[in-house]
Amino acid sequence: VLDVPSRVKLADALWQTNIHEGRLAAAKLLTQARIRPD
């Protein structure tokens, strides 16, 4: 449901929480073979 720019913003914000699950979710949010642009 999120476009790439929104995913990048959300992943960055989740990572900055320093919560374990937040950082895992940040990485999973960006784990995809086809991302354009990347």
Full PDB file with SEQRES, HELIX, SHEET, SSBOND, CRYST1, ORIGX, SCALE, CONECT and MASTER records, all heavy atoms in Angstrom:
SEQRES   1 A   38  VAL LEU ASP VAL PRO SER ARG VAL LYS LEU ALA ASP ALA          
SEQRES   2 A   38  LEU TRP GLN THR ASN ILE HIS GLU GLY ARG LEU ALA ALA          
SEQRES   3 A   38  ALA LYS LEU LEU THR GLN ALA ARG ILE ARG PRO ASP              
HELIX    1 AA1 VAL A    4  GLN A   16  1                                  13    
HELIX    2 AA2 HIS A   20  LEU A   29  1                                  10    
CRYST1    1.000    1.000    1.000  90.00  90.00  90.00 P 1           1          
ORIGX1      1.000000  0.000000  0.000000        0.00000                         
ORIGX2      0.000000  1.000000  0.000000        0.00000                         
ORIGX3      0.000000  0.000000  1.000000        0.00000                         
SCALE1      1.000000  0.000000  0.000000        0.00000                         
SCALE2      0.000000  1.000000  0.000000        0.00000                         
SCALE3      0.000000  0.000000  1.000000        0.00000                         
ATOM      1  N   VAL A   1       0.805  -1.227   0.000  1.00  0.00           N  
ATOM      2  CA  VAL A   1       0.000   0.000   0.000  1.00  0.00           C  
ATOM      3  C   VAL A   1       0.838   1.277   0.000  1.00  0.00           C  
ATOM      4  O   VAL A   1       0.297   2.354  -0.288  1.00  0.00           O  
ATOM      5  CB  VAL A   1      -0.976   0.014   1.200  1.00  0.00           C  
ATOM      6  CG1 VAL A   1      -1.931  -1.169   1.121  1.00  0.00           C  
ATOM      7  CG2 VAL A   1      -0.228   0.004   2.524  1.00  0.00           C  
ATOM      8  N   LEU A   2       2.124   1.195   0.303  1.00  0.00           N  
ATOM      9  CA  LEU A   2       2.974   2.391   0.362  1.00  0.00           C  
ATOM     10  C   LEU A   2       3.852   2.486  -0.877  1.00  0.00           C  
ATOM     11  O   LEU A   2       4.411   1.483  -1.321  1.00  0.00           O  
ATOM     12  CB  LEU A   2       3.865   2.349   1.606  1.00  0.00           C  
ATOM     13  CG  LEU A   2       3.161   2.428   2.963  1.00  0.00           C  
ATOM     14  CD1 LEU A   2       4.172   2.215   4.087  1.00  0.00           C  
ATOM     15  CD2 LEU A   2       2.456   3.776   3.139  1.00  0.00           C  
ATOM     16  N   ASP A   3       3.986   3.680  -1.416  1.00  0.00           N  
ATOM     17  CA  ASP A   3       4.922   3.858  -2.521  1.00  0.00           C  
ATOM     18  C   ASP A   3       6.349   3.880  -1.975  1.00  0.00           C  
ATOM     19  O   ASP A   3       6.566   3.903  -0.749  1.00  0.00           O  
ATOM     20  CB  ASP A   3       4.601   5.121  -3.330  1.00  0.00           C  
ATOM     21  CG  ASP A   3       4.668   6.402  -2.499  1.00  0.00           C  
ATOM     22  OD1 ASP A   3       5.267   6.383  -1.398  1.00  0.00           O  
ATOM     23  OD2 ASP A   3       4.131   7.430  -2.953  1.00  0.00           O  
ATOM     24  N   VAL A   4       7.329   3.854  -2.870  1.00  0.00           N  
ATOM     25  CA  VAL A   4       8.730   3.733  -2.431  1.00  0.00           C  
ATOM     26  C   VAL A   4       9.157   4.887  -1.532  1.00  0.00           C  
ATOM     27  O   VAL A   4       9.758   4.657  -0.471  1.00  0.00           O  
ATOM     28  CB  VAL A   4       9.668   3.586  -3.645  1.00  0.00           C  
ATOM     29  CG1 VAL A   4      11.131   3.630  -3.203  1.00  0.00           C  
ATOM     30  CG2 VAL A   4       9.383   2.273  -4.379  1.00  0.00           C  
ATOM     31  N   PRO A   5       8.888   6.153  -1.881  1.00  0.00           N  
ATOM     32  CA  PRO A   5       9.305   7.239  -0.975  1.00  0.00           C  
ATOM     33  C   PRO A   5       8.707   7.113   0.430  1.00  0.00           C  
ATOM     34  O   PRO A   5       9.394   7.367   1.428  1.00  0.00           O  
ATOM     35  CB  PRO A   5       8.803   8.496  -1.692  1.00  0.00           C  
ATOM     36  CG  PRO A   5       8.767   8.133  -3.130  1.00  0.00           C  
ATOM     37  CD  PRO A   5       8.324   6.694  -3.141  1.00  0.00           C  
ATOM     38  N   SER A   6       7.449   6.708   0.514  1.00  0.00           N  
ATOM     39  CA  SER A   6       6.822   6.541   1.833  1.00  0.00           C  
ATOM     40  C   SER A   6       7.436   5.377   2.591  1.00  0.00           C  
ATOM     41  O   SER A   6       7.613   5.435   3.816  1.00  0.00           O  
ATOM     42  CB  SER A   6       5.312   6.320   1.679  1.00  0.00           C  
ATOM     43  OG  SER A   6       4.695   7.447   1.109  1.00  0.00           O  
ATOM     44  N   ARG A   7       7.778   4.321   1.881  1.00  0.00           N  
ATOM     45  CA  ARG A   7       8.422   3.182   2.526  1.00  0.00           C  
ATOM     46  C   ARG A   7       9.786   3.574   3.075  1.00  0.00           C  
ATOM     47  O   ARG A   7      10.177   3.136   4.163  1.00  0.00           O  
ATOM     48  CB  ARG A   7       8.543   2.021   1.547  1.00  0.00           C  
ATOM     49  CG  ARG A   7       7.210   1.327   1.291  1.00  0.00           C  
ATOM     50  CD  ARG A   7       7.242   0.440   0.074  1.00  0.00           C  
ATOM     51  NE  ARG A   7       8.241  -0.606   0.174  1.00  0.00           N  
ATOM     52  CZ  ARG A   7       8.542  -1.453  -0.804  1.00  0.00           C  
ATOM     53  NH1 ARG A   7       7.899  -1.358  -1.954  1.00  0.00           N  
ATOM     54  NH2 ARG A   7       9.445  -2.369  -0.636  1.00  0.00           N  
ATOM     55  N   VAL A   8      10.519   4.373   2.315  1.00  0.00           N  
ATOM     56  CA  VAL A   8      11.833   4.828   2.778  1.00  0.00           C  
ATOM     57  C   VAL A   8      11.678   5.687   4.040  1.00  0.00           C  
ATOM     58  O   VAL A   8      12.416   5.517   5.025  1.00  0.00           O  
ATOM     59  CB  VAL A   8      12.563   5.598   1.673  1.00  0.00           C  
ATOM     60  CG1 VAL A   8      13.815   6.282   2.219  1.00  0.00           C  
ATOM     61  CG2 VAL A   8      12.939   4.655   0.530  1.00  0.00           C  
ATOM     62  N   LYS A   9      10.705   6.611   4.027  1.00  0.00           N  
ATOM     63  CA  LYS A   9      10.461   7.457   5.206  1.00  0.00           C  
ATOM     64  C   LYS A   9      10.091   6.611   6.414  1.00  0.00           C  
ATOM     65  O   LYS A   9      10.594   6.820   7.520  1.00  0.00           O  
ATOM     66  CB  LYS A   9       9.344   8.456   4.909  1.00  0.00           C  
ATOM     67  CG  LYS A   9       9.712   9.591   3.968  1.00  0.00           C  
ATOM     68  CD  LYS A   9       8.484  10.460   3.715  1.00  0.00           C  
ATOM     69  CE  LYS A   9       8.785  11.579   2.719  1.00  0.00           C  
ATOM     70  NZ  LYS A   9       9.591  12.640   3.320  1.00  0.00           N  
ATOM     71  N   LEU A  10       9.191   5.659   6.212  1.00  0.00           N  
ATOM     72  CA  LEU A  10       8.743   4.820   7.325  1.00  0.00           C  
ATOM     73  C   LEU A  10       9.876   3.942   7.833  1.00  0.00           C  
ATOM     74  O   LEU A  10      10.060   3.798   9.047  1.00  0.00           O  
ATOM     75  CB  LEU A  10       7.551   3.965   6.885  1.00  0.00           C  
ATOM     76  CG  LEU A  10       7.011   2.985   7.938  1.00  0.00           C  
ATOM     77  CD1 LEU A  10       6.612   3.704   9.211  1.00  0.00           C  
ATOM     78  CD2 LEU A  10       5.825   2.200   7.370  1.00  0.00           C  
ATOM     79  N   ALA A  11      10.635   3.340   6.931  1.00  0.00           N  
ATOM     80  CA  ALA A  11      11.749   2.487   7.349  1.00  0.00           C  
ATOM     81  C   ALA A  11      12.769   3.283   8.154  1.00  0.00           C  
ATOM     82  O   ALA A  11      13.274   2.808   9.185  1.00  0.00           O  
ATOM     83  CB  ALA A  11      12.406   1.852   6.130  1.00  0.00           C  
ATOM     84  N   ASP A  12      13.066   4.479   7.703  1.00  0.00           N  
ATOM     85  CA  ASP A  12      14.009   5.329   8.428  1.00  0.00           C  
ATOM     86  C   ASP A  12      13.478   5.637   9.822  1.00  0.00           C  
ATOM     87  O   ASP A  12      14.203   5.536  10.822  1.00  0.00           O  
ATOM     88  CB  ASP A  12      14.229   6.617   7.630  1.00  0.00           C  
ATOM     89  CG  ASP A  12      15.313   7.506   8.225  1.00  0.00           C  
ATOM     90  OD1 ASP A  12      16.168   6.990   8.979  1.00  0.00           O  
ATOM     91  OD2 ASP A  12      15.306   8.716   7.943  1.00  0.00           O  
ATOM     92  N   ALA A  13      12.205   5.995   9.912  1.00  0.00           N  
ATOM     93  CA  ALA A  13      11.617   6.335  11.208  1.00  0.00           C  
ATOM     94  C   ALA A  13      11.574   5.124  12.136  1.00  0.00           C  
ATOM     95  O   ALA A  13      11.869   5.232  13.334  1.00  0.00           O  
ATOM     96  CB  ALA A  13      10.207   6.896  11.000  1.00  0.00           C  
ATOM     97  N   LEU A  14      11.206   3.966  11.610  1.00  0.00           N  
ATOM     98  CA  LEU A  14      11.174   2.753  12.431  1.00  0.00           C  
ATOM     99  C   LEU A  14      12.564   2.401  12.942  1.00  0.00           C  
ATOM    100  O   LEU A  14      12.736   1.995  14.097  1.00  0.00           O  
ATOM    101  CB  LEU A  14      10.604   1.585  11.611  1.00  0.00           C  
ATOM    102  CG  LEU A  14       9.099   1.583  11.386  1.00  0.00           C  
ATOM    103  CD1 LEU A  14       8.721   0.567  10.299  1.00  0.00           C  
ATOM    104  CD2 LEU A  14       8.352   1.267  12.682  1.00  0.00           C  
ATOM    105  N   TRP A  15      13.561   2.538  12.080  1.00  0.00           N  
ATOM    106  CA  TRP A  15      14.939   2.233  12.492  1.00  0.00           C  
ATOM    107  C   TRP A  15      15.374   3.156  13.627  1.00  0.00           C  
ATOM    108  O   TRP A  15      16.007   2.712  14.589  1.00  0.00           O  
ATOM    109  CB  TRP A  15      15.873   2.379  11.297  1.00  0.00           C  
ATOM    110  CG  TRP A  15      17.279   1.931  11.583  1.00  0.00           C  
ATOM    111  CD1 TRP A  15      18.312   2.701  12.064  1.00  0.00           C  
ATOM    112  CD2 TRP A  15      17.822   0.612  11.442  1.00  0.00           C  
ATOM    113  NE1 TRP A  15      19.455   1.949  12.218  1.00  0.00           N  
ATOM    114  CE2 TRP A  15      19.168   0.663  11.837  1.00  0.00           C  
ATOM    115  CE3 TRP A  15      17.276  -0.602  11.006  1.00  0.00           C  
ATOM    116  CZ2 TRP A  15      19.999  -0.460  11.807  1.00  0.00           C  
ATOM    117  CZ3 TRP A  15      18.108  -1.719  10.986  1.00  0.00           C  
ATOM    118  CH2 TRP A  15      19.446  -1.641  11.379  1.00  0.00           C  
ATOM    119  N   GLN A  16      15.021   4.440  13.520  1.00  0.00           N  
ATOM    120  CA  GLN A  16      15.462   5.415  14.517  1.00  0.00           C  
ATOM    121  C   GLN A  16      14.817   5.208  15.882  1.00  0.00           C  
ATOM    122  O   GLN A  16      15.306   5.723  16.887  1.00  0.00           O  
ATOM    123  CB  GLN A  16      15.184   6.840  14.020  1.00  0.00           C  
ATOM    124  CG  GLN A  16      15.927   7.226  12.750  1.00  0.00           C  
ATOM    125  CD  GLN A  16      17.431   7.044  12.857  1.00  0.00           C  
ATOM    126  OE1 GLN A  16      18.017   7.250  13.914  1.00  0.00           O  
ATOM    127  NE2 GLN A  16      18.054   6.627  11.754  1.00  0.00           N  
ATOM    128  N   THR A  17      13.735   4.432  15.960  1.00  0.00           N  
ATOM    129  CA  THR A  17      13.134   4.148  17.267  1.00  0.00           C  
ATOM    130  C   THR A  17      14.069   3.332  18.142  1.00  0.00           C  
ATOM    131  O   THR A  17      13.930   3.336  19.368  1.00  0.00           O  
ATOM    132  CB  THR A  17      11.814   3.367  17.125  1.00  0.00           C  
ATOM    133  OG1 THR A  17      12.077   2.058  16.593  1.00  0.00           O  
ATOM    134  CG2 THR A  17      10.822   4.114  16.252  1.00  0.00           C  
ATOM    135  N   ASN A  18      14.973   2.593  17.528  1.00  0.00           N  
ATOM    136  CA  ASN A  18      15.885   1.683  18.232  1.00  0.00           C  
ATOM    137  C   ASN A  18      15.147   0.531  18.908  1.00  0.00           C  
ATOM    138  O   ASN A  18      15.738  -0.212  19.699  1.00  0.00           O  
ATOM    139  CB  ASN A  18      16.753   2.426  19.264  1.00  0.00           C  
ATOM    140  CG  ASN A  18      17.925   1.587  19.750  1.00  0.00           C  
ATOM    141  OD1 ASN A  18      18.507   0.811  18.985  1.00  0.00           O  
ATOM    142  ND2 ASN A  18      18.264   1.706  21.022  1.00  0.00           N  
ATOM    143  N   ILE A  19      13.882   0.359  18.619  1.00  0.00           N  
ATOM    144  CA  ILE A  19      13.142  -0.804  19.122  1.00  0.00           C  
ATOM    145  C   ILE A  19      13.515  -2.005  18.253  1.00  0.00           C  
ATOM    146  O   ILE A  19      13.586  -1.893  17.029  1.00  0.00           O  
ATOM    147  CB  ILE A  19      11.621  -0.542  19.053  1.00  0.00           C  
ATOM    148  CG1 ILE A  19      11.245   0.621  19.976  1.00  0.00           C  
ATOM    149  CG2 ILE A  19      10.834  -1.793  19.418  1.00  0.00           C  
ATOM    150  CD1 ILE A  19       9.806   1.091  19.809  1.00  0.00           C  
ATOM    151  N   HIS A  20      13.756  -3.134  18.885  1.00  0.00           N  
ATOM    152  CA  HIS A  20      14.184  -4.323  18.152  1.00  0.00           C  
ATOM    153  C   HIS A  20      13.243  -4.630  16.995  1.00  0.00           C  
ATOM    154  O   HIS A  20      13.669  -4.765  15.843  1.00  0.00           O  
ATOM    155  CB  HIS A  20      14.263  -5.515  19.109  1.00  0.00           C  
ATOM    156  CG  HIS A  20      14.613  -6.812  18.459  1.00  0.00           C  
ATOM    157  ND1 HIS A  20      15.908  -7.151  18.111  1.00  0.00           N  
ATOM    158  CD2 HIS A  20      13.830  -7.864  18.072  1.00  0.00           C  
ATOM    159  CE1 HIS A  20      15.919  -8.341  17.547  1.00  0.00           C  
ATOM    160  NE2 HIS A  20      14.661  -8.790  17.510  1.00  0.00           N  
ATOM    161  N   GLU A  21      11.963  -4.743  17.288  1.00  0.00           N  
ATOM    162  CA  GLU A  21      10.996  -5.068  16.236  1.00  0.00           C  
ATOM    163  C   GLU A  21      10.845  -3.935  15.232  1.00  0.00           C  
ATOM    164  O   GLU A  21      10.533  -4.182  14.057  1.00  0.00           O  
ATOM    165  CB  GLU A  21       9.626  -5.394  16.854  1.00  0.00           C  
ATOM    166  CG  GLU A  21       9.593  -6.709  17.606  1.00  0.00           C  
ATOM    167  CD  GLU A  21      10.106  -6.607  19.033  1.00  0.00           C  
ATOM    168  OE1 GLU A  21      10.591  -5.512  19.433  1.00  0.00           O  
ATOM    169  OE2 GLU A  21      10.015  -7.607  19.761  1.00  0.00           O  
ATOM    170  N   GLY A  22      11.063  -2.695  15.662  1.00  0.00           N  
ATOM    171  CA  GLY A  22      11.025  -1.575  14.741  1.00  0.00           C  
ATOM    172  C   GLY A  22      12.127  -1.668  13.707  1.00  0.00           C  
ATOM    173  O   GLY A  22      11.901  -1.432  12.512  1.00  0.00           O  
ATOM    174  N   ARG A  23      13.316  -2.047  14.142  1.00  0.00           N  
ATOM    175  CA  ARG A  23      14.427  -2.183  13.205  1.00  0.00           C  
ATOM    176  C   ARG A  23      14.238  -3.393  12.285  1.00  0.00           C  
ATOM    177  O   ARG A  23      14.557  -3.325  11.099  1.00  0.00           O  
ATOM    178  CB  ARG A  23      15.749  -2.270  13.967  1.00  0.00           C  
ATOM    179  CG  ARG A  23      16.109  -0.944  14.622  1.00  0.00           C  
ATOM    180  CD  ARG A  23      17.541  -0.811  15.042  1.00  0.00           C  
ATOM    181  NE  ARG A  23      17.857   0.607  15.254  1.00  0.00           N  
ATOM    182  CZ  ARG A  23      19.046   1.057  15.610  1.00  0.00           C  
ATOM    183  NH1 ARG A  23      20.067   0.226  15.807  1.00  0.00           N  
ATOM    184  NH2 ARG A  23      19.249   2.364  15.772  1.00  0.00           N  
ATOM    185  N   LEU A  24      13.717  -4.481  12.827  1.00  0.00           N  
ATOM    186  CA  LEU A  24      13.435  -5.629  11.961  1.00  0.00           C  
ATOM    187  C   LEU A  24      12.378  -5.270  10.912  1.00  0.00           C  
ATOM    188  O   LEU A  24      12.517  -5.606   9.732  1.00  0.00           O  
ATOM    189  CB  LEU A  24      12.968  -6.819  12.794  1.00  0.00           C  
ATOM    190  CG  LEU A  24      14.037  -7.849  13.199  1.00  0.00           C  
ATOM    191  CD1 LEU A  24      15.198  -7.194  13.933  1.00  0.00           C  
ATOM    192  CD2 LEU A  24      13.430  -8.960  14.034  1.00  0.00           C  
ATOM    193  N   ALA A  25      11.341  -4.579  11.337  1.00  0.00           N  
ATOM    194  CA  ALA A  25      10.290  -4.187  10.398  1.00  0.00           C  
ATOM    195  C   ALA A  25      10.828  -3.218   9.345  1.00  0.00           C  
ATOM    196  O   ALA A  25      10.436  -3.290   8.173  1.00  0.00           O  
ATOM    197  CB  ALA A  25       9.128  -3.544  11.160  1.00  0.00           C  
ATOM    198  N   ALA A  26      11.716  -2.327   9.748  1.00  0.00           N  
ATOM    199  CA  ALA A  26      12.320  -1.393   8.797  1.00  0.00           C  
ATOM    200  C   ALA A  26      13.041  -2.155   7.692  1.00  0.00           C  
ATOM    201  O   ALA A  26      12.900  -1.840   6.501  1.00  0.00           O  
ATOM    202  CB  ALA A  26      13.284  -0.458   9.521  1.00  0.00           C  
ATOM    203  N   ALA A  27      13.806  -3.164   8.092  1.00  0.00           N  
ATOM    204  CA  ALA A  27      14.539  -3.958   7.101  1.00  0.00           C  
ATOM    205  C   ALA A  27      13.587  -4.762   6.220  1.00  0.00           C  
ATOM    206  O   ALA A  27      13.748  -4.815   4.996  1.00  0.00           O  
ATOM    207  CB  ALA A  27      15.520  -4.890   7.809  1.00  0.00           C  
ATOM    208  N   LYS A  28      12.587  -5.380   6.840  1.00  0.00           N  
ATOM    209  CA  LYS A  28      11.632  -6.186   6.071  1.00  0.00           C  
ATOM    210  C   LYS A  28      10.854  -5.320   5.081  1.00  0.00           C  
ATOM    211  O   LYS A  28      10.507  -5.771   3.981  1.00  0.00           O  
ATOM    212  CB  LYS A  28      10.658  -6.896   7.021  1.00  0.00           C  
ATOM    213  CG  LYS A  28      11.289  -7.995   7.878  1.00  0.00           C  
ATOM    214  CD  LYS A  28      10.288  -8.548   8.870  1.00  0.00           C  
ATOM    215  CE  LYS A  28      10.895  -9.577   9.805  1.00  0.00           C  
ATOM    216  NZ  LYS A  28      11.295 -10.810   9.114  1.00  0.00           N  
ATOM    217  N   LEU A  29      10.590  -4.083   5.459  1.00  0.00           N  
ATOM    218  CA  LEU A  29       9.846  -3.169   4.593  1.00  0.00           C  
ATOM    219  C   LEU A  29      10.588  -2.912   3.285  1.00  0.00           C  
ATOM    220  O   LEU A  29       9.972  -2.617   2.259  1.00  0.00           O  
ATOM    221  CB  LEU A  29       9.611  -1.853   5.342  1.00  0.00           C  
ATOM    222  CG  LEU A  29       8.670  -0.821   4.748  1.00  0.00           C  
ATOM    223  CD1 LEU A  29       7.274  -1.390   4.551  1.00  0.00           C  
ATOM    224  CD2 LEU A  29       8.614   0.407   5.665  1.00  0.00           C  
ATOM    225  N   LEU A  30      11.917  -3.039   3.327  1.00  0.00           N  
ATOM    226  CA  LEU A  30      12.741  -2.758   2.149  1.00  0.00           C  
ATOM    227  C   LEU A  30      13.305  -4.021   1.511  1.00  0.00           C  
ATOM    228  O   LEU A  30      14.145  -3.938   0.610  1.00  0.00           O  
ATOM    229  CB  LEU A  30      13.895  -1.826   2.546  1.00  0.00           C  
ATOM    230  CG  LEU A  30      13.488  -0.489   3.164  1.00  0.00           C  
ATOM    231  CD1 LEU A  30      14.720   0.340   3.505  1.00  0.00           C  
ATOM    232  CD2 LEU A  30      12.555   0.289   2.240  1.00  0.00           C  
ATOM    233  N   THR A  31      12.873  -5.185   1.964  1.00  0.00           N  
ATOM    234  CA  THR A  31      13.359  -6.452   1.415  1.00  0.00           C  
ATOM    235  C   THR A  31      12.417  -6.907   0.309  1.00  0.00           C  
ATOM    236  O   THR A  31      11.379  -7.522   0.561  1.00  0.00           O  
ATOM    237  CB  THR A  31      13.458  -7.523   2.513  1.00  0.00           C  
ATOM    238  OG1 THR A  31      14.299  -7.050   3.564  1.00  0.00           O  
ATOM    239  CG2 THR A  31      14.056  -8.815   1.958  1.00  0.00           C  
ATOM    240  N   GLN A  32      12.779  -6.566  -0.915  1.00  0.00           N  
ATOM    241  CA  GLN A  32      11.951  -6.897  -2.071  1.00  0.00           C  
ATOM    242  C   GLN A  32      12.838  -6.844  -3.298  1.00  0.00           C  
ATOM    243  O   GLN A  32      13.673  -5.954  -3.445  1.00  0.00           O  
ATOM    244  CB  GLN A  32      10.798  -5.905  -2.201  1.00  0.00           C  
ATOM    245  CG  GLN A  32       9.820  -6.208  -3.317  1.00  0.00           C  
ATOM    246  CD  GLN A  32       8.656  -5.231  -3.313  1.00  0.00           C  
ATOM    247  OE1 GLN A  32       8.398  -4.551  -2.328  1.00  0.00           O  
ATOM    248  NE2 GLN A  32       7.952  -5.162  -4.431  1.00  0.00           N  
ATOM    249  N   ALA A  33      12.675  -7.804  -4.186  1.00  0.00           N  
ATOM    250  CA  ALA A  33      13.551  -7.879  -5.360  1.00  0.00           C  
ATOM    251  C   ALA A  33      13.366  -6.680  -6.276  1.00  0.00           C  
ATOM    252  O   ALA A  33      14.336  -6.050  -6.686  1.00  0.00           O  
ATOM    253  CB  ALA A  33      13.291  -9.181  -6.119  1.00  0.00           C  
ATOM    254  N   ARG A  34      12.118  -6.356  -6.610  1.00  0.00           N  
ATOM    255  CA  ARG A  34      11.840  -5.289  -7.566  1.00  0.00           C  
ATOM    256  C   ARG A  34      11.396  -4.027  -6.828  1.00  0.00           C  
ATOM    257  O   ARG A  34      10.288  -3.965  -6.284  1.00  0.00           O  
ATOM    258  CB  ARG A  34      10.767  -5.722  -8.567  1.00  0.00           C  
ATOM    259  CG  ARG A  34      11.201  -6.874  -9.468  1.00  0.00           C  
ATOM    260  CD  ARG A  34      10.095  -7.268 -10.429  1.00  0.00           C  
ATOM    261  NE  ARG A  34       9.758  -6.188 -11.347  1.00  0.00           N  
ATOM    262  CZ  ARG A  34      10.412  -5.924 -12.474  1.00  0.00           C  
ATOM    263  NH1 ARG A  34      11.461  -6.675 -12.819  1.00  0.00           N  
ATOM    264  NH2 ARG A  34      10.041  -4.940 -13.264  1.00  0.00           N  
ATOM    265  N   ILE A  35      12.299  -3.055  -6.790  1.00  0.00           N  
ATOM    266  CA  ILE A  35      11.987  -1.734  -6.251  1.00  0.00           C  
ATOM    267  C   ILE A  35      12.511  -0.715  -7.263  1.00  0.00           C  
ATOM    268  O   ILE A  35      13.708  -0.690  -7.566  1.00  0.00           O  
ATOM    269  CB  ILE A  35      12.640  -1.482  -4.881  1.00  0.00           C  
ATOM    270  CG1 ILE A  35      12.167  -2.504  -3.843  1.00  0.00           C  
ATOM    271  CG2 ILE A  35      12.328  -0.070  -4.393  1.00  0.00           C  
ATOM    272  CD1 ILE A  35      12.803  -2.326  -2.466  1.00  0.00           C  
ATOM    273  N   ARG A  36      11.625   0.101  -7.770  1.00  0.00           N  
ATOM    274  CA  ARG A  36      12.017   1.127  -8.743  1.00  0.00           C  
ATOM    275  C   ARG A  36      11.389   2.461  -8.354  1.00  0.00           C  
ATOM    276  O   ARG A  36      10.179   2.531  -8.200  1.00  0.00           O  
ATOM    277  CB  ARG A  36      11.543   0.732 -10.153  1.00  0.00           C  
ATOM    278  CG  ARG A  36      12.123  -0.546 -10.690  1.00  0.00           C  
ATOM    279  CD  ARG A  36      13.618  -0.358 -11.047  1.00  0.00           C  
ATOM    280  NE  ARG A  36      14.125  -1.554 -11.701  1.00  0.00           N  
ATOM    281  CZ  ARG A  36      14.608  -2.607 -11.079  1.00  0.00           C  
ATOM    282  NH1 ARG A  36      14.623  -2.616  -9.748  1.00  0.00           N  
ATOM    283  NH2 ARG A  36      15.068  -3.648 -11.745  1.00  0.00           N  
ATOM    284  N   PRO A  37      12.235   3.493  -8.222  1.00  0.00           N  
ATOM    285  CA  PRO A  37      13.695   3.472  -8.200  1.00  0.00           C  
ATOM    286  C   PRO A  37      14.189   2.991  -6.835  1.00  0.00           C  
ATOM    287  O   PRO A  37      13.423   3.005  -5.867  1.00  0.00           O  
ATOM    288  CB  PRO A  37      14.053   4.939  -8.446  1.00  0.00           C  
ATOM    289  CG  PRO A  37      12.912   5.694  -7.847  1.00  0.00           C  
ATOM    290  CD  PRO A  37      11.686   4.856  -8.087  1.00  0.00           C  
ATOM    291  N   ASP A  38      15.451   2.591  -6.759  1.00  0.00           N  
ATOM    292  CA  ASP A  38      15.942   2.030  -5.498  1.00  0.00           C  
ATOM    293  C   ASP A  38      17.171   2.728  -4.937  1.00  0.00           C  
ATOM    294  O   ASP A  38      17.752   2.263  -3.958  1.00  0.00           O  
ATOM    295  CB  ASP A  38      16.212   0.533  -5.659  1.00  0.00           C  
ATOM    296  CG  ASP A  38      17.458   0.241  -6.478  1.00  0.00           C  
ATOM    297  OD1 ASP A  38      17.952   1.147  -7.183  1.00  0.00           O  
ATOM    298  OD2 ASP A  38      17.956  -0.902  -6.417  1.00  0.00           O  
TER     299      ASP A  38                                                      
MASTER        0    0    0    2    0    0    0    6  298    1    0    3          
END                                                                             
